[in-house]
């Protein structure tokens, strides 16, 4: 089961929309940072196929500027 964590950077003025967009996706848990306009995103998918599908969905989010991976683990 792949587990990844990221710093998610919203497009300017889109932090709240990004929170909603990520909350609507399966296998995602997003938490706003206390001291910055970024989110901490943790993904936990059941297998590599679901991880690839999730990555495609993340790339299509209009509220997301970029993702910076901070940790990755694949069983």
Protein backbone atom coordinates (compact mmCIF):
# COMPACT_ATOMS: atom_id res chain seq x y z
CA UNK A 1 0.00 0.00 0.00
CA UNK A 2 1.68 3.22 -1.20
CA UNK A 3 1.80 6.05 1.33
CA UNK A 4 3.03 9.50 0.33
CA UNK A 5 3.12 12.89 1.99
CA UNK A 6 3.35 16.22 0.22
CA UNK A 7 3.35 19.95 0.71
CA UNK A 8 0.48 21.12 -1.49
CA UNK A 9 0.70 24.66 -2.81
CA UNK A 10 -2.61 26.19 -3.89
CA UNK A 11 -2.95 28.68 -6.70
CA UNK A 12 -3.16 32.25 -5.33
CA UNK A 13 -6.41 32.73 -3.41
CA UNK A 14 -7.45 29.09 -3.85
CA UNK A 15 -6.46 27.54 -0.50
CA UNK A 16 -10.04 26.90 0.66
CA UNK A 17 -10.99 25.49 -2.75
CA UNK A 18 -7.97 23.18 -2.69
CA UNK A 19 -8.98 21.92 0.75
CA UNK A 20 -12.44 21.07 -0.64
CA UNK A 21 -11.02 19.52 -3.82
CA UNK A 22 -8.64 17.26 -1.90
CA UNK A 23 -11.33 16.28 0.63
CA UNK A 24 -13.48 15.08 -2.28
CA UNK A 25 -10.82 12.59 -3.41
CA UNK A 26 -10.54 9.07 -2.02
CA UNK A 27 -7.29 8.12 -0.23
CA UNK A 28 -6.41 11.77 0.60
CA UNK A 29 -6.17 13.60 3.90
CA UNK A 30 -5.27 17.29 3.75
CA UNK A 31 -4.49 19.59 6.67
CA UNK A 32 -3.86 23.32 6.37
CA UNK A 33 -0.52 24.51 7.71
CA UNK A 34 -0.80 26.89 10.66
CA UNK A 35 1.81 29.36 9.50
CA UNK A 36 1.73 29.29 5.68
CA UNK A 37 -0.61 29.22 2.73
CA UNK A 38 0.09 25.54 2.09
CA UNK A 39 -1.51 22.22 2.91
CA UNK A 40 -0.03 19.00 4.20
CA UNK A 41 -1.37 16.16 2.07
CA UNK A 42 -1.09 12.47 2.95
CA UNK A 43 -2.22 9.83 0.49
CA UNK A 44 -2.69 6.16 1.31
CA UNK A 45 -3.84 4.01 -1.60
CA UNK A 46 -4.46 0.25 -1.55
CA UNK A 47 -2.21 -0.51 -4.54
CA UNK A 48 -0.06 1.01 -7.28
CA UNK A 49 -2.91 1.13 -9.80
CA UNK A 50 -5.02 3.24 -7.44
CA UNK A 51 -1.97 5.43 -6.74
CA UNK A 52 -1.51 6.09 -10.46
CA UNK A 53 -5.21 6.93 -10.82
CA UNK A 54 -5.01 9.31 -7.85
CA UNK A 55 -1.94 11.04 -9.32
CA UNK A 56 -3.88 11.70 -12.54
CA UNK A 57 -6.74 13.22 -10.54
CA UNK A 58 -4.36 15.41 -8.55
CA UNK A 59 -2.78 16.76 -11.74
CA UNK A 60 -6.21 17.86 -12.99
CA UNK A 61 -7.09 19.98 -9.92
CA UNK A 62 -7.41 23.59 -11.04
CA UNK A 63 -6.84 24.88 -7.48
CA UNK A 64 -3.45 23.13 -7.15
CA UNK A 65 -0.30 25.04 -8.10
CA UNK A 66 2.22 22.30 -7.22
CA UNK A 67 3.02 19.34 -4.98
CA UNK A 68 6.32 18.77 -3.21
CA UNK A 69 6.82 15.20 -2.02
CA UNK A 70 8.22 14.93 1.49
CA UNK A 71 7.99 11.16 1.99
CA UNK A 72 7.12 8.09 -0.04
CA UNK A 73 6.78 4.42 0.86
CA UNK A 74 5.62 1.49 -1.22
CA UNK A 75 5.19 -2.01 0.24
